[in-house]
Amino acid sequence: MKKILMKYMTRFTTLSEEAQQAILEEIQIISNFNHHRQEKSSTCSLICLENCVLVVGDFGFEKDMYNKYSQLETMTRTMIELNFGEVQDELASFLASTPEGRYKALLRKRPYLVDRVPQHQLASYLGITPESLSRIKKRIKEDKF
């Protein structure tokens, strides 16, 4: 099933660990393609950080719509390609950055997350401990003065 997050925010984790894989927000499409195409259960879960409104689609209905409207499949593929490119860029940047660099990038690109996401989950998303996040925030604050 494909889901479109219409309102508010979730976090995406694997079932085997609590580390955040992603923090998703309004109007982002959520799909586990490996399991979606094979009609298997997902190894990932979505956990709502706020009250959420989701639009949930059925795979069979999606296939019928693609057959009926070929432009829809083209549009969907284009959206997936764009999203995949963004995810690749984000991952490359994440892997090449220091923890402080990742936090600064988050402040530049998605500053509202600092107020919307609990700090321990934000730290997990950044790949650091909550204590490290506190030290980074303190250092950045001191550098401003």
N, C-alpha and C. Protein backbone atom coordinates (compact mmCIF):
# COMPACT_ATOMS: atom_id res chain seq x y z
N MET A 1 0.82 -1.19 0.00
CA MET A 1 0.00 0.00 0.00
C MET A 1 0.86 1.24 0.00
N LYS A 2 0.48 2.20 -0.79
CA LYS A 2 1.17 3.48 -0.84
C LYS A 2 0.40 4.45 0.02
N LYS A 3 1.11 5.27 0.76
CA LYS A 3 0.46 6.25 1.63
C LYS A 3 0.98 7.63 1.29
N ILE A 4 0.12 8.62 1.35
CA ILE A 4 0.53 10.00 1.19
C ILE A 4 0.23 10.72 2.49
N LEU A 5 1.24 11.27 3.09
CA LEU A 5 1.09 11.97 4.35
C LEU A 5 0.52 13.35 4.06
N MET A 6 -0.71 13.57 4.48
CA MET A 6 -1.40 14.81 4.15
C MET A 6 -1.21 15.88 5.22
N LYS A 7 -1.07 15.46 6.45
CA LYS A 7 -0.98 16.44 7.52
C LYS A 7 -0.08 15.91 8.63
N TYR A 8 0.84 16.72 9.06
CA TYR A 8 1.71 16.46 10.19
C TYR A 8 2.85 15.50 9.87
N MET A 9 3.42 14.89 10.86
CA MET A 9 4.73 14.30 10.71
C MET A 9 4.82 12.90 11.30
N THR A 10 5.62 12.06 10.63
CA THR A 10 5.90 10.71 11.13
C THR A 10 7.40 10.48 11.08
N ARG A 11 7.81 9.41 11.72
CA ARG A 11 9.19 8.96 11.57
C ARG A 11 9.15 7.55 11.00
N PHE A 12 10.17 7.21 10.26
CA PHE A 12 10.25 5.95 9.54
C PHE A 12 11.37 5.14 10.17
N THR A 13 11.07 3.95 10.65
CA THR A 13 12.08 3.11 11.29
C THR A 13 11.98 1.68 10.76
N THR A 14 13.05 0.92 10.95
CA THR A 14 12.96 -0.51 10.67
C THR A 14 12.41 -1.18 11.92
N LEU A 15 11.81 -2.33 11.75
CA LEU A 15 11.22 -3.04 12.89
C LEU A 15 12.29 -3.55 13.85
N SER A 16 13.50 -3.75 13.35
CA SER A 16 14.54 -4.33 14.19
C SER A 16 15.27 -3.31 15.06
N GLU A 17 15.10 -2.02 14.77
CA GLU A 17 15.80 -1.01 15.56
C GLU A 17 14.99 0.27 15.62
N GLU A 18 15.26 1.07 16.62
CA GLU A 18 14.52 2.30 16.82
C GLU A 18 15.17 3.52 16.17
N ALA A 19 16.29 3.33 15.48
CA ALA A 19 16.94 4.47 14.84
C ALA A 19 16.07 5.02 13.72
N GLN A 20 15.97 6.32 13.67
CA GLN A 20 15.17 6.95 12.61
C GLN A 20 15.86 6.80 11.27
N GLN A 21 15.15 6.31 10.30
CA GLN A 21 15.65 6.27 8.94
C GLN A 21 15.35 7.60 8.25
N ALA A 22 14.20 8.17 8.61
CA ALA A 22 13.78 9.43 7.99
C ALA A 22 12.73 10.09 8.87
N ILE A 23 12.60 11.38 8.73
CA ILE A 23 11.49 12.11 9.32
C ILE A 23 10.70 12.66 8.16
N LEU A 24 9.48 12.20 8.05
CA LEU A 24 8.63 12.55 6.91
C LEU A 24 7.62 13.61 7.33
N GLU A 25 7.26 14.45 6.38
CA GLU A 25 6.34 15.53 6.69
C GLU A 25 5.28 15.67 5.60
N GLU A 26 4.45 16.67 5.76
CA GLU A 26 3.29 16.87 4.91
C GLU A 26 3.58 16.68 3.42
N ILE A 27 2.65 16.04 2.75
CA ILE A 27 2.61 15.83 1.30
C ILE A 27 3.77 14.98 0.78
N GLN A 28 4.41 14.23 1.62
CA GLN A 28 5.43 13.30 1.15
C GLN A 28 4.80 11.94 0.92
N ILE A 29 5.23 11.27 -0.14
CA ILE A 29 4.72 9.94 -0.45
C ILE A 29 5.57 8.91 0.28
N ILE A 30 4.91 7.94 0.87
CA ILE A 30 5.59 6.91 1.65
C ILE A 30 5.27 5.57 1.00
N SER A 31 6.30 4.83 0.60
CA SER A 31 6.07 3.52 0.02
C SER A 31 7.33 2.68 0.22
N ASN A 32 7.15 1.42 0.52
CA ASN A 32 8.26 0.50 0.62
C ASN A 32 8.25 -0.32 -0.66
N PHE A 33 9.00 0.12 -1.66
CA PHE A 33 8.91 -0.45 -3.00
C PHE A 33 9.26 -1.93 -3.07
N ASN A 34 10.27 -2.37 -2.33
CA ASN A 34 10.64 -3.79 -2.40
C ASN A 34 9.50 -4.69 -1.98
N HIS A 35 8.77 -4.29 -0.96
CA HIS A 35 7.67 -5.11 -0.47
C HIS A 35 6.38 -4.78 -1.20
N HIS A 36 6.25 -3.56 -1.65
CA HIS A 36 5.05 -3.11 -2.36
C HIS A 36 4.84 -3.94 -3.63
N ARG A 37 5.87 -4.11 -4.41
CA ARG A 37 5.77 -4.86 -5.67
C ARG A 37 5.62 -6.36 -5.45
N GLN A 38 6.20 -6.86 -4.39
CA GLN A 38 6.16 -8.30 -4.12
C GLN A 38 5.00 -8.69 -3.22
N GLU A 39 4.21 -7.72 -2.81
CA GLU A 39 3.06 -7.95 -1.93
C GLU A 39 3.46 -8.71 -0.66
N LYS A 40 4.59 -8.30 -0.07
CA LYS A 40 5.06 -8.87 1.19
C LYS A 40 4.87 -7.83 2.29
N SER A 41 4.88 -8.30 3.52
CA SER A 41 4.82 -7.38 4.66
C SER A 41 6.10 -6.57 4.71
N SER A 42 5.98 -5.35 5.17
CA SER A 42 7.13 -4.45 5.26
C SER A 42 7.95 -4.76 6.51
N THR A 43 9.25 -4.51 6.42
CA THR A 43 10.12 -4.62 7.59
C THR A 43 10.29 -3.26 8.26
N CYS A 44 9.56 -2.27 7.78
CA CYS A 44 9.65 -0.91 8.31
C CYS A 44 8.32 -0.50 8.91
N SER A 45 8.37 0.51 9.75
CA SER A 45 7.14 1.02 10.33
C SER A 45 7.16 2.54 10.34
N LEU A 46 5.97 3.10 10.35
CA LEU A 46 5.79 4.54 10.49
C LEU A 46 5.25 4.80 11.88
N ILE A 47 5.83 5.74 12.56
CA ILE A 47 5.38 6.10 13.90
C ILE A 47 5.01 7.58 13.86
N CYS A 48 3.78 7.87 14.21
CA CYS A 48 3.30 9.25 14.16
C CYS A 48 3.92 10.07 15.28
N LEU A 49 4.46 11.22 14.92
CA LEU A 49 5.00 12.15 15.91
C LEU A 49 3.94 13.16 16.33
N GLU A 50 2.93 13.30 15.51
CA GLU A 50 1.80 14.20 15.76
C GLU A 50 0.57 13.49 15.22
N ASN A 51 -0.61 14.02 15.50
CA ASN A 51 -1.81 13.47 14.87
C ASN A 51 -1.65 13.59 13.36
N CYS A 52 -1.99 12.52 12.64
CA CYS A 52 -1.74 12.48 11.20
C CYS A 52 -3.02 12.20 10.42
N VAL A 53 -3.03 12.66 9.19
CA VAL A 53 -4.07 12.33 8.24
C VAL A 53 -3.35 11.68 7.06
N LEU A 54 -3.71 10.44 6.76
CA LEU A 54 -3.08 9.70 5.66
C LEU A 54 -4.11 9.38 4.59
N VAL A 55 -3.66 9.37 3.34
CA VAL A 55 -4.44 8.83 2.24
C VAL A 55 -3.77 7.51 1.90
N VAL A 56 -4.51 6.42 1.99
CA VAL A 56 -3.95 5.09 1.77
C VAL A 56 -4.49 4.53 0.47
N GLY A 57 -3.57 4.04 -0.38
CA GLY A 57 -3.97 3.50 -1.67
C GLY A 57 -3.79 1.99 -1.73
N ASP A 58 -4.57 1.37 -2.56
CA ASP A 58 -4.53 -0.08 -2.78
C ASP A 58 -3.70 -0.37 -4.04
N PHE A 59 -2.81 -1.37 -3.97
CA PHE A 59 -1.94 -1.69 -5.09
C PHE A 59 -2.73 -2.07 -6.35
N GLY A 60 -3.77 -2.87 -6.19
CA GLY A 60 -4.59 -3.27 -7.34
C GLY A 60 -5.25 -2.08 -7.99
N PHE A 61 -5.78 -1.17 -7.19
CA PHE A 61 -6.41 0.04 -7.72
C PHE A 61 -5.37 0.89 -8.45
N GLU A 62 -4.17 0.97 -7.88
CA GLU A 62 -3.10 1.74 -8.52
C GLU A 62 -2.77 1.16 -9.90
N LYS A 63 -2.65 -0.16 -9.99
CA LYS A 63 -2.37 -0.81 -11.28
C LYS A 63 -3.49 -0.53 -12.29
N ASP A 64 -4.73 -0.61 -11.84
CA ASP A 64 -5.87 -0.31 -12.72
C ASP A 64 -5.81 1.12 -13.24
N MET A 65 -5.48 2.05 -12.36
CA MET A 65 -5.39 3.46 -12.77
C MET A 65 -4.26 3.68 -13.76
N TYR A 66 -3.13 2.99 -13.57
CA TYR A 66 -2.02 3.11 -14.53
C TYR A 66 -2.43 2.57 -15.89
N ASN A 67 -3.17 1.47 -15.91
CA ASN A 67 -3.63 0.91 -17.18
C ASN A 67 -4.62 1.84 -17.87
N LYS A 68 -5.44 2.48 -17.09
CA LYS A 68 -6.47 3.36 -17.64
C LYS A 68 -5.89 4.71 -18.09
N TYR A 69 -4.94 5.22 -17.32
CA TYR A 69 -4.36 6.54 -17.60
C TYR A 69 -2.83 6.41 -17.67
N SER A 70 -2.31 6.19 -18.86
CA SER A 70 -0.87 5.97 -19.01
C SER A 70 -0.04 7.17 -18.55
N GLN A 71 -0.61 8.37 -18.66
CA GLN A 71 0.12 9.57 -18.21
C GLN A 71 0.38 9.52 -16.70
N LEU A 72 -0.53 8.89 -15.97
CA LEU A 72 -0.38 8.80 -14.52
C LEU A 72 0.87 8.00 -14.15
N GLU A 73 1.09 6.91 -14.87
CA GLU A 73 2.28 6.10 -14.59
C GLU A 73 3.55 6.89 -14.92
N THR A 74 3.54 7.63 -16.02
CA THR A 74 4.68 8.46 -16.40
C THR A 74 4.93 9.53 -15.34
N MET A 75 3.88 10.18 -14.89
CA MET A 75 4.00 11.22 -13.87
C MET A 75 4.54 10.63 -12.56
N THR A 76 4.02 9.47 -12.17
CA THR A 76 4.47 8.83 -10.94
C THR A 76 5.94 8.45 -11.03
N ARG A 77 6.35 7.88 -12.17
CA ARG A 77 7.75 7.50 -12.36
C ARG A 77 8.65 8.73 -12.28
N THR A 78 8.24 9.83 -12.89
CA THR A 78 9.02 11.06 -12.84
C THR A 78 9.17 11.56 -11.40
N MET A 79 8.07 11.52 -10.65
CA MET A 79 8.12 11.95 -9.24
C MET A 79 9.06 11.05 -8.44
N ILE A 80 9.01 9.74 -8.69
CA ILE A 80 9.87 8.80 -7.98
C ILE A 80 11.34 9.06 -8.32
N GLU A 81 11.63 9.32 -9.59
CA GLU A 81 13.00 9.61 -10.01
C GLU A 81 13.53 10.86 -9.33
N LEU A 82 12.71 11.90 -9.27
CA LEU A 82 13.12 13.14 -8.61
C LEU A 82 13.38 12.90 -7.12
N ASN A 83 12.46 12.17 -6.49
CA ASN A 83 12.61 11.87 -5.07
C ASN A 83 13.85 11.02 -4.82
N PHE A 84 14.09 10.05 -5.68
CA PHE A 84 15.26 9.18 -5.52
C PHE A 84 16.54 9.99 -5.60
N GLY A 85 16.60 10.93 -6.54
CA GLY A 85 17.77 11.80 -6.66
C GLY A 85 17.99 12.62 -5.41
N GLU A 86 16.91 13.16 -4.85
CA GLU A 86 17.01 13.94 -3.61
C GLU A 86 17.52 13.07 -2.46
N VAL A 87 16.99 11.86 -2.37
CA VAL A 87 17.41 10.94 -1.30
C VAL A 87 18.89 10.59 -1.46
N GLN A 88 19.34 10.34 -2.69
CA GLN A 88 20.76 10.04 -2.92
C GLN A 88 21.64 11.20 -2.48
N ASP A 89 21.25 12.42 -2.87
CA ASP A 89 22.03 13.61 -2.49
C ASP A 89 22.07 13.77 -0.97
N GLU A 90 20.92 13.56 -0.34
CA GLU A 90 20.83 13.70 1.12
C GLU A 90 21.71 12.66 1.81
N LEU A 91 21.69 11.42 1.33
CA LEU A 91 22.51 10.37 1.93
C LEU A 91 23.99 10.66 1.75
N ALA A 92 24.39 11.09 0.55
CA ALA A 92 25.81 11.41 0.32
C ALA A 92 26.27 12.53 1.24
N SER A 93 25.44 13.54 1.39
CA SER A 93 25.76 14.66 2.27
C SER A 93 25.85 14.20 3.73
N PHE A 94 24.91 13.36 4.14
CA PHE A 94 24.89 12.83 5.50
C PHE A 94 26.17 12.06 5.80
N LEU A 95 26.55 11.18 4.89
CA LEU A 95 27.72 10.33 5.11
C LEU A 95 29.02 11.14 5.13
N ALA A 96 29.07 12.23 4.38
CA ALA A 96 30.28 13.05 4.29
C ALA A 96 30.37 14.10 5.40
N SER A 97 29.31 14.28 6.18
CA SER A 97 29.26 15.35 7.17
C SER A 97 29.61 14.87 8.57
N THR A 98 30.09 15.79 9.37
CA THR A 98 30.27 15.55 10.80
C THR A 98 28.90 15.67 11.47
N PRO A 99 28.75 15.18 12.69
CA PRO A 99 27.47 15.38 13.39
C PRO A 99 27.06 16.85 13.45
N GLU A 100 28.01 17.73 13.72
CA GLU A 100 27.69 19.16 13.77
C GLU A 100 27.26 19.66 12.38
N GLY A 101 27.93 19.18 11.36
CA GLY A 101 27.56 19.55 9.99
C GLY A 101 26.15 19.08 9.63
N ARG A 102 25.80 17.87 10.09
CA ARG A 102 24.44 17.36 9.83
C ARG A 102 23.40 18.23 10.52
N TYR A 103 23.69 18.63 11.76
CA TYR A 103 22.74 19.48 12.50
C TYR A 103 22.62 20.85 11.83
N LYS A 104 23.73 21.42 11.41
CA LYS A 104 23.68 22.73 10.73
C LYS A 104 22.91 22.63 9.41
N ALA A 105 23.09 21.53 8.69
CA ALA A 105 22.33 21.33 7.45
C ALA A 105 20.84 21.24 7.74
N LEU A 106 20.50 20.56 8.81
CA LEU A 106 19.09 20.46 9.22
C LEU A 106 18.54 21.85 9.55
N LEU A 107 19.33 22.66 10.25
CA LEU A 107 18.89 24.02 10.58
C LEU A 107 18.68 24.87 9.33
N ARG A 108 19.48 24.64 8.30
CA ARG A 108 19.33 25.38 7.03
C ARG A 108 18.13 24.91 6.23
N LYS A 109 17.98 23.59 6.12
CA LYS A 109 16.97 23.02 5.22
C LYS A 109 15.60 22.81 5.86
N ARG A 110 15.58 22.42 7.13
CA ARG A 110 14.32 22.07 7.80
C ARG A 110 14.33 22.56 9.25
N PRO A 111 14.49 23.86 9.47
CA PRO A 111 14.64 24.37 10.84
C PRO A 111 13.44 24.12 11.74
N TYR A 112 12.27 24.00 11.16
CA TYR A 112 11.05 23.76 11.93
C TYR A 112 11.05 22.41 12.63
N LEU A 113 11.89 21.47 12.20
CA LEU A 113 11.94 20.16 12.85
C LEU A 113 12.42 20.28 14.30
N VAL A 114 13.26 21.26 14.57
CA VAL A 114 13.81 21.42 15.92
C VAL A 114 12.68 21.61 16.93
N ASP A 115 11.62 22.29 16.53
CA ASP A 115 10.49 22.52 17.42
C ASP A 115 9.42 21.44 17.33
N ARG A 116 9.36 20.72 16.22
CA ARG A 116 8.28 19.76 16.02
C ARG A 116 8.63 18.33 16.42
N VAL A 117 9.90 18.00 16.48
CA VAL A 117 10.33 16.62 16.73
C VAL A 117 11.02 16.55 18.09
N PRO A 118 10.65 15.56 18.93
CA PRO A 118 11.34 15.40 20.21
C PRO A 118 12.85 15.26 20.00
N GLN A 119 13.62 15.87 20.89
CA GLN A 119 15.07 15.96 20.71
C GLN A 119 15.76 14.60 20.64
N HIS A 120 15.29 13.61 21.41
CA HIS A 120 15.94 12.30 21.34
C HIS A 120 15.71 11.64 19.97
N GLN A 121 14.58 11.91 19.34
CA GLN A 121 14.31 11.37 18.01
C GLN A 121 15.08 12.15 16.95
N LEU A 122 15.21 13.44 17.14
CA LEU A 122 16.02 14.26 16.24
C LEU A 122 17.48 13.80 16.28
N ALA A 123 17.97 13.52 17.48
CA ALA A 123 19.34 13.03 17.63
C ALA A 123 19.52 11.70 16.90
N SER A 124 18.56 10.81 17.05
CA SER A 124 18.62 9.52 16.37
C SER A 124 18.65 9.71 14.86
N TYR A 125 17.82 10.60 14.36
CA TYR A 125 17.78 10.91 12.92
C TYR A 125 19.14 11.41 12.43
N LEU A 126 19.82 12.19 13.27
CA LEU A 126 21.13 12.73 12.91
C LEU A 126 22.26 11.73 13.14
N GLY A 127 21.93 10.58 13.74
CA GLY A 127 22.93 9.54 13.98
C GLY A 127 23.82 9.82 15.18
N ILE A 128 23.29 10.54 16.17
CA ILE A 128 24.05 10.90 17.36
C ILE A 128 23.21 10.65 18.61
N THR A 129 23.83 10.75 19.76
CA THR A 129 23.09 10.60 21.02
C THR A 129 22.44 11.94 21.38
N PRO A 130 21.41 11.90 22.21
CA PRO A 130 20.80 13.16 22.67
C PRO A 130 21.82 14.07 23.38
N GLU A 131 22.76 13.47 24.10
CA GLU A 131 23.78 14.26 24.79
C GLU A 131 24.69 14.98 23.79
N SER A 132 25.06 14.29 22.73
CA SER A 132 25.88 14.92 21.69
C SER A 132 25.12 16.06 21.03
N LEU A 133 23.83 15.86 20.79
CA LEU A 133 23.02 16.92 20.19
C LEU A 133 23.00 18.14 21.11
N SER A 134 22.86 17.93 22.40
CA SER A 134 22.87 19.05 23.36
C SER A 134 24.19 19.81 23.30
N ARG A 135 25.30 19.08 23.25
CA ARG A 135 26.62 19.73 23.18
C ARG A 135 26.77 20.52 21.88
N ILE A 136 26.30 19.96 20.77
CA ILE A 136 26.37 20.66 19.48
C ILE A 136 25.55 21.94 19.52
N LYS A 137 24.33 21.84 20.05
CA LYS A 137 23.46 23.02 20.14
C LYS A 137 24.11 24.10 21.01
N LYS A 138 24.72 23.68 22.11
CA LYS A 138 25.37 24.64 23.01
C LYS A 138 26.55 25.31 22.30
N ARG A 139 27.35 24.53 21.59
CA ARG A 139 28.51 25.06 20.87
C ARG A 139 28.07 26.07 19.81
N ILE A 140 27.02 25.74 19.06
CA ILE A 140 26.52 26.65 18.02
C ILE A 140 26.00 27.94 18.64
N LYS A 141 25.30 27.80 19.75
CA LYS A 141 24.77 28.98 20.44
C LYS A 141 25.91 29.87 20.94
N GLU A 142 26.96 29.26 21.50
CA GLU A 142 28.11 30.03 22.00
C GLU A 142 28.85 30.71 20.85
N ASP A 143 28.93 30.04 19.69
CA ASP A 143 29.62 30.62 18.53
C ASP A 143 28.91 31.86 18.00
N LYS A 144 27.61 31.94 18.21
CA LYS A 144 26.84 33.10 17.74
C LYS A 144 27.14 34.35 18.56
N PHE A 145 27.58 34.14 19.81
CA PHE A 145 27.84 35.30 20.69
C PHE A 145 29.26 35.73 20.66
